[in-house]
Amino acid sequence: MPLLVGLLGGECTGKSTLAAALAAQIGAEVVPEAVRAFVQQHGRAPHRDEQAGVLGRQSDAVARAVAAAARDAVVVVDPAPLMTAVYSALYFENDSLVAEGVDDALAYDVLAWCARDVPWQADPGVRDGPHYRAAADRILSGIVTTALGPRGAHVVRVTGDLDVRVATVREAVAAGRDRAGVAPPGPSGRNLDSHG
């Protein structure tokens, strides 16, 4: 089964930049953000009653990517569906999706929590401001502390410049492969532990 990496973090924390770098440097397959596609299609952010649908579309896209990926692939989800639950709690004071988001997140081999140590960049229609980034981080911190950590989720804090972030995730991916008993692909593209 492919190794599944979920990116966590509020808006403008470098998730998409990290996903692109992982695709370029380790050949990761990237599942893009369902909410961004929603905004592009509808010209607005999803309303409260549309949040569950966005979370579901992101989860379905992940399932399709995992089903289609090679056994030794790395699938990076930008972001993990849990972030839709975080945004729903932030913008609508609706935490009804958190349990579903947490259950989904527990299936990931690595959850890479991107820090707010990157410069803020506006993205009209998608990003609301640095104060929302900080608020999302506080909600996420509570979820990691009370729900993910105690249940054994493999959360790694990703900080620093892009090279440091990529190195951190690569180390976490290697550890995830060790936990799963899956060798990285060899020069031929086959698993090093394959026989023939």
C-alpha atoms as a PDB file:
ATOM      1  CA  MET A   1       0.000   0.000   0.000  1.00  0.00           C
ATOM      2  CA  PRO A   2       1.357   3.479  -0.754  1.00  0.00           C
ATOM      3  CA  LEU A   3       2.606   5.636   2.068  1.00  0.00           C
ATOM      4  CA  LEU A   4       0.109   8.386   2.835  1.00  0.00           C
ATOM      5  CA  VAL A   5       1.272  11.848   3.932  1.00  0.00           C
ATOM      6  CA  GLY A   6      -1.306  14.418   4.982  1.00  0.00           C
ATOM      7  CA  LEU A   7      -0.364  18.085   5.128  1.00  0.00           C
ATOM      8  CA  LEU A   8      -1.833  20.094   7.976  1.00  0.00           C
ATOM      9  CA  GLY A   9      -1.707  23.811   8.720  1.00  0.00           C
ATOM     10  CA  GLY A  10      -3.722  26.952   8.265  1.00  0.00           C
ATOM     11  CA  GLU A  11      -3.812  29.046   5.136  1.00  0.00           C
ATOM     12  CA  CYS A  12      -0.449  30.197   3.798  1.00  0.00           C
ATOM     13  CA  THR A  13       1.714  27.849   5.843  1.00  0.00           C
ATOM     14  CA  GLY A  14       3.576  26.491   2.830  1.00  0.00           C
ATOM     15  CA  LYS A  15       1.561  23.301   2.311  1.00  0.00           C
ATOM     16  CA  SER A  16       1.220  23.551  -1.477  1.00  0.00           C
ATOM     17  CA  THR A  17       4.840  24.622  -1.898  1.00  0.00           C
ATOM     18  CA  LEU A  18       5.928  21.637   0.185  1.00  0.00           C
ATOM     19  CA  ALA A  19       3.669  19.278  -1.785  1.00  0.00           C
ATOM     20  CA  ALA A  20       5.143  20.493  -5.083  1.00  0.00           C
ATOM     21  CA  ALA A  21       8.683  20.064  -3.751  1.00  0.00           C
ATOM     22  CA  LEU A  22       7.932  16.526  -2.575  1.00  0.00           C
ATOM     23  CA  ALA A  23       6.496  15.710  -5.999  1.00  0.00           C
ATOM     24  CA  ALA A  24       9.625  17.046  -7.700  1.00  0.00           C
ATOM     25  CA  GLN A  25      12.200  15.595  -5.307  1.00  0.00           C
ATOM     26  CA  ILE A  26      10.808  12.185  -4.339  1.00  0.00           C
ATOM     27  CA  GLY A  27       8.188  11.611  -7.018  1.00  0.00           C
ATOM     28  CA  ALA A  28       5.262  11.925  -4.616  1.00  0.00           C
ATOM     29  CA  GLU A  29       1.795  11.920  -6.086  1.00  0.00           C
ATOM     30  CA  VAL A  30      -0.159  14.959  -4.895  1.00  0.00           C
ATOM     31  CA  VAL A  31      -3.880  15.079  -4.160  1.00  0.00           C
ATOM     32  CA  PRO A  32      -4.841  18.758  -4.530  1.00  0.00           C
ATOM     33  CA  GLU A  33      -7.090  20.826  -2.308  1.00  0.00           C
ATOM     34  CA  ALA A  34     -10.821  20.256  -2.833  1.00  0.00           C
ATOM     35  CA  VAL A  35     -11.754  23.616  -1.313  1.00  0.00           C
ATOM     36  CA  ARG A  36      -9.566  25.480  -3.832  1.00  0.00           C
ATOM     37  CA  ALA A  37     -11.357  23.670  -6.660  1.00  0.00           C
ATOM     38  CA  PHE A  38     -14.683  24.622  -5.062  1.00  0.00           C
ATOM     39  CA  VAL A  39     -13.676  28.297  -4.909  1.00  0.00           C
ATOM     40  CA  GLN A  40     -12.521  28.241  -8.534  1.00  0.00           C
ATOM     41  CA  GLN A  41     -15.762  26.600  -9.651  1.00  0.00           C
ATOM     42  CA  HIS A  42     -18.195  28.715  -7.601  1.00  0.00           C
ATOM     43  CA  GLY A  43     -16.279  31.978  -7.191  1.00  0.00           C
ATOM     44  CA  ARG A  44     -16.708  31.875  -3.412  1.00  0.00           C
ATOM     45  CA  ALA A  45     -15.771  29.895  -0.340  1.00  0.00           C
ATOM     46  CA  PRO A  46     -18.065  27.042   0.707  1.00  0.00           C
ATOM     47  CA  HIS A  47     -20.907  27.859   3.075  1.00  0.00           C
ATOM     48  CA  ARG A  48     -21.481  26.078   6.371  1.00  0.00           C
ATOM     49  CA  ASP A  49     -23.819  23.499   4.823  1.00  0.00           C
ATOM     50  CA  GLU A  50     -21.269  22.735   2.064  1.00  0.00           C
ATOM     51  CA  GLN A  51     -18.333  21.904   4.351  1.00  0.00           C
ATOM     52  CA  ALA A  52     -19.203  18.212   4.722  1.00  0.00           C
ATOM     53  CA  GLY A  53     -19.361  17.868   0.935  1.00  0.00           C
ATOM     54  CA  VAL A  54     -15.911  19.443   0.561  1.00  0.00           C
ATOM     55  CA  LEU A  55     -14.492  17.102   3.192  1.00  0.00           C
ATOM     56  CA  GLY A  56     -16.105  14.167   1.409  1.00  0.00           C
ATOM     57  CA  ARG A  57     -14.725  15.195  -1.996  1.00  0.00           C
ATOM     58  CA  GLN A  58     -11.222  15.487  -0.524  1.00  0.00           C
ATOM     59  CA  SER A  59     -11.542  12.058   1.133  1.00  0.00           C
ATOM     60  CA  ASP A  60     -12.839  10.505  -2.105  1.00  0.00           C
ATOM     61  CA  ALA A  61      -9.940  12.002  -4.073  1.00  0.00           C
ATOM     62  CA  VAL A  62      -7.504  10.519  -1.562  1.00  0.00           C
ATOM     63  CA  ALA A  63      -9.127   7.086  -1.845  1.00  0.00           C
ATOM     64  CA  ARG A  64      -8.892   7.213  -5.652  1.00  0.00           C
ATOM     65  CA  ALA A  65      -5.242   8.283  -5.534  1.00  0.00           C
ATOM     66  CA  VAL A  66      -4.310   5.535  -3.079  1.00  0.00           C
ATOM     67  CA  ALA A  67      -6.145   2.900  -5.138  1.00  0.00           C
ATOM     68  CA  ALA A  68      -4.323   3.981  -8.309  1.00  0.00           C
ATOM     69  CA  ALA A  69      -0.845   4.393  -6.771  1.00  0.00           C
ATOM     70  CA  ALA A  70       1.940   1.849  -6.853  1.00  0.00           C
ATOM     71  CA  ARG A  71       2.626  -0.066  -3.648  1.00  0.00           C
ATOM     72  CA  ASP A  72       5.845   1.847  -2.972  1.00  0.00           C
ATOM     73  CA  ALA A  73       4.469   5.280  -3.919  1.00  0.00           C
ATOM     74  CA  VAL A  74       4.186   8.273  -1.638  1.00  0.00           C
ATOM     75  CA  VAL A  75       0.818  10.045  -1.836  1.00  0.00           C
ATOM     76  CA  VAL A  76       0.777  13.596  -0.430  1.00  0.00           C
ATOM     77  CA  VAL A  77      -2.597  15.109   0.408  1.00  0.00           C
ATOM     78  CA  ASP A  78      -2.667  18.928   0.266  1.00  0.00           C
ATOM     79  CA  PRO A  79      -4.248  19.250   2.774  1.00  0.00           C
ATOM     80  CA  ALA A  80      -5.576  16.271   4.719  1.00  0.00           C
ATOM     81  CA  PRO A  81      -9.404  16.401   4.925  1.00  0.00           C
ATOM     82  CA  LEU A  82      -9.062  17.222   8.634  1.00  0.00           C
ATOM     83  CA  MET A  83      -8.297  20.794   7.603  1.00  0.00           C
ATOM     84  CA  THR A  84     -11.834  21.189   6.238  1.00  0.00           C
ATOM     85  CA  ALA A  85     -13.082  20.302   9.721  1.00  0.00           C
ATOM     86  CA  VAL A  86     -10.675  22.857  11.214  1.00  0.00           C
ATOM     87  CA  TYR A  87     -11.918  25.566   8.843  1.00  0.00           C
ATOM     88  CA  SER A  88     -15.538  24.652   9.561  1.00  0.00           C
ATOM     89  CA  ALA A  89     -14.859  25.083  13.282  1.00  0.00           C
ATOM     90  CA  LEU A  90     -13.009  28.349  12.647  1.00  0.00           C
ATOM     91  CA  TYR A  91     -15.390  30.087  10.261  1.00  0.00           C
ATOM     92  CA  PHE A  92     -18.732  28.638  11.328  1.00  0.00           C
ATOM     93  CA  GLU A  93     -18.140  27.565  14.947  1.00  0.00           C
ATOM     94  CA  ASN A  94     -19.179  24.123  13.728  1.00  0.00           C
ATOM     95  CA  ASP A  95     -17.106  21.275  15.114  1.00  0.00           C
ATOM     96  CA  SER A  96     -19.421  18.539  13.802  1.00  0.00           C
ATOM     97  CA  LEU A  97     -16.828  17.426  11.220  1.00  0.00           C
ATOM     98  CA  VAL A  98     -13.896  17.127  13.631  1.00  0.00           C
ATOM     99  CA  ALA A  99     -14.526  13.493  14.622  1.00  0.00           C
ATOM    100  CA  GLU A 100     -14.718  12.450  10.955  1.00  0.00           C
ATOM    101  CA  GLY A 101     -11.589  14.456  10.159  1.00  0.00           C
ATOM    102  CA  VAL A 102      -9.694  12.890  13.064  1.00  0.00           C
ATOM    103  CA  ASP A 103     -10.765   9.358  12.097  1.00  0.00           C
ATOM    104  CA  ASP A 104      -9.601  10.038   8.547  1.00  0.00           C
ATOM    105  CA  ALA A 105      -6.286  11.507   9.752  1.00  0.00           C
ATOM    106  CA  LEU A 106      -5.526   8.415  11.818  1.00  0.00           C
ATOM    107  CA  ALA A 107      -5.235   6.420   8.575  1.00  0.00           C
ATOM    108  CA  TYR A 108      -2.224   8.499   7.445  1.00  0.00           C
ATOM    109  CA  ASP A 109       1.318   7.224   7.843  1.00  0.00           C
ATOM    110  CA  VAL A 110       2.586  10.776   8.377  1.00  0.00           C
ATOM    111  CA  LEU A 111       0.802  14.012   9.229  1.00  0.00           C
ATOM    112  CA  ALA A 112       3.087  16.944   8.402  1.00  0.00           C
ATOM    113  CA  TRP A 113       1.942  19.979  10.384  1.00  0.00           C
ATOM    114  CA  CYS A 114       3.260  23.073   8.604  1.00  0.00           C
ATOM    115  CA  ALA A 115       4.254  25.948  10.874  1.00  0.00           C
ATOM    116  CA  ARG A 116       3.352  29.612  10.391  1.00  0.00           C
ATOM    117  CA  ASP A 117       6.985  30.633   9.890  1.00  0.00           C
ATOM    118  CA  VAL A 118       6.554  31.497   6.206  1.00  0.00           C
ATOM    119  CA  PRO A 119       5.697  35.020   5.049  1.00  0.00           C
ATOM    120  CA  TRP A 120       2.017  35.764   4.607  1.00  0.00           C
ATOM    121  CA  GLN A 121       0.878  36.000   0.965  1.00  0.00           C
ATOM    122  CA  ALA A 122      -2.581  37.096  -0.080  1.00  0.00           C
ATOM    123  CA  ASP A 123      -4.676  34.814  -2.296  1.00  0.00           C
ATOM    124  CA  PRO A 124      -7.983  36.663  -2.912  1.00  0.00           C
ATOM    125  CA  GLY A 125     -11.062  34.547  -2.439  1.00  0.00           C
ATOM    126  CA  VAL A 126      -9.089  31.761  -0.763  1.00  0.00           C
ATOM    127  CA  ARG A 127      -7.133  33.332   2.115  1.00  0.00           C
ATOM    128  CA  ASP A 128      -8.582  35.659   4.716  1.00  0.00           C
ATOM    129  CA  GLY A 129      -5.600  36.981   6.667  1.00  0.00           C
ATOM    130  CA  PRO A 130      -2.786  36.106   9.045  1.00  0.00           C
ATOM    131  CA  HIS A 131      -5.091  36.224  12.078  1.00  0.00           C
ATOM    132  CA  TYR A 132      -7.123  33.363  10.588  1.00  0.00           C
ATOM    133  CA  ARG A 133      -3.924  31.423  10.006  1.00  0.00           C
ATOM    134  CA  ALA A 134      -3.084  31.777  13.711  1.00  0.00           C
ATOM    135  CA  ALA A 135      -6.623  30.842  14.767  1.00  0.00           C
ATOM    136  CA  ALA A 136      -6.572  27.710  12.580  1.00  0.00           C
ATOM    137  CA  ASP A 137      -3.257  26.753  14.147  1.00  0.00           C
ATOM    138  CA  ARG A 138      -4.763  27.036  17.650  1.00  0.00           C
ATOM    139  CA  ILE A 139      -7.681  24.779  16.695  1.00  0.00           C
ATOM    140  CA  LEU A 140      -5.337  22.297  15.054  1.00  0.00           C
ATOM    141  CA  SER A 141      -3.090  22.325  18.123  1.00  0.00           C
ATOM    142  CA  GLY A 142      -6.044  21.351  20.293  1.00  0.00           C
ATOM    143  CA  ILE A 143      -6.967  18.499  17.948  1.00  0.00           C
ATOM    144  CA  VAL A 144      -3.396  17.199  17.794  1.00  0.00           C
ATOM    145  CA  THR A 145      -3.043  17.368  21.578  1.00  0.00           C
ATOM    146  CA  THR A 146      -6.388  15.879  22.563  1.00  0.00           C
ATOM    147  CA  ALA A 147      -7.356  13.582  19.672  1.00  0.00           C
ATOM    148  CA  LEU A 148      -4.496  12.680  17.350  1.00  0.00           C
ATOM    149  CA  GLY A 149      -1.529  12.359  19.696  1.00  0.00           C
ATOM    150  CA  PRO A 150      -3.270  10.187  22.277  1.00  0.00           C
ATOM    151  CA  ARG A 151      -4.476   7.854  19.520  1.00  0.00           C
ATOM    152  CA  GLY A 152      -0.994   7.302  18.092  1.00  0.00           C
ATOM    153  CA  ALA A 153      -1.051   9.550  15.031  1.00  0.00           C
ATOM    154  CA  HIS A 154       2.387  10.210  13.568  1.00  0.00           C
ATOM    155  CA  VAL A 155       2.412  14.020  13.544  1.00  0.00           C
ATOM    156  CA  VAL A 156       5.633  15.791  12.647  1.00  0.00           C
ATOM    157  CA  ARG A 157       6.030  19.556  13.009  1.00  0.00           C
ATOM    158  CA  VAL A 158       7.418  21.067   9.790  1.00  0.00           C
ATOM    159  CA  THR A 159       9.293  24.355  10.172  1.00  0.00           C
ATOM    160  CA  GLY A 160      12.019  26.368   8.482  1.00  0.00           C
ATOM    161  CA  ASP A 161      12.809  27.004   4.859  1.00  0.00           C
ATOM    162  CA  LEU A 162      11.684  24.694   2.072  1.00  0.00           C
ATOM    163  CA  ASP A 163      14.815  22.532   2.110  1.00  0.00           C
ATOM    164  CA  VAL A 164      14.465  21.926   5.833  1.00  0.00           C
ATOM    165  CA  ARG A 165      10.763  21.169   5.463  1.00  0.00           C
ATOM    166  CA  VAL A 166      11.393  18.673   2.664  1.00  0.00           C
ATOM    167  CA  ALA A 167      14.149  16.995   4.699  1.00  0.00           C
ATOM    168  CA  THR A 168      11.826  16.732   7.718  1.00  0.00           C
ATOM    169  CA  VAL A 169       9.093  15.069   5.677  1.00  0.00           C
ATOM    170  CA  ARG A 170      11.577  12.767   3.940  1.00  0.00           C
ATOM    171  CA  GLU A 171      12.790  11.573   7.351  1.00  0.00           C
ATOM    172  CA  ALA A 172       9.189  11.047   8.457  1.00  0.00           C
ATOM    173  CA  VAL A 173       8.452   9.118   5.238  1.00  0.00           C
ATOM    174  CA  ALA A 174      11.474   6.870   5.857  1.00  0.00           C
ATOM    175  CA  ALA A 175      10.277   6.240   9.419  1.00  0.00           C
ATOM    176  CA  GLY A 176       6.781   5.542   8.076  1.00  0.00           C
ATOM    177  CA  ARG A 177       8.184   2.986   5.647  1.00  0.00           C
ATOM    178  CA  ASP A 178      10.039   1.344   8.530  1.00  0.00           C
ATOM    179  CA  ARG A 179       6.828   1.183  10.605  1.00  0.00           C
ATOM    180  CA  ALA A 180       4.953  -0.295   7.647  1.00  0.00           C
ATOM    181  CA  GLY A 181       7.756  -2.683   6.711  1.00  0.00           C
ATOM    182  CA  VAL A 182       7.961  -1.311   3.170  1.00  0.00           C
ATOM    183  CA  ALA A 183      11.332  -0.761   1.547  1.00  0.00           C
ATOM    184  CA  PRO A 184      11.827   2.312  -0.646  1.00  0.00           C
ATOM    185  CA  PRO A 185      11.877   1.712  -4.385  1.00  0.00           C
ATOM    186  CA  GLY A 186      15.224   0.534  -5.787  1.00  0.00           C
ATOM    187  CA  PRO A 187      16.959   1.829  -8.898  1.00  0.00           C
ATOM    188  CA  SER A 188      14.695  -0.236 -11.137  1.00  0.00           C
ATOM    189  CA  GLY A 189      11.604   1.238  -9.502  1.00  0.00           C
ATOM    190  CA  ARG A 190      10.851  -2.055  -7.721  1.00  0.00           C
ATOM    191  CA  ASN A 191      10.803  -2.400  -3.952  1.00  0.00           C
ATOM    192  CA  LEU A 192      14.198  -3.372  -2.585  1.00  0.00           C
ATOM    193  CA  ASP A 193      12.492  -6.143  -0.643  1.00  0.00           C
ATOM    194  CA  SER A 194      10.820  -7.673  -3.705  1.00  0.00           C
ATOM    195  CA  HIS A 195      11.946 -11.083  -4.897  1.00  0.00           C
ATOM    196  CA  GLY A 196      11.917 -11.220  -8.671  1.00  0.00           C
END
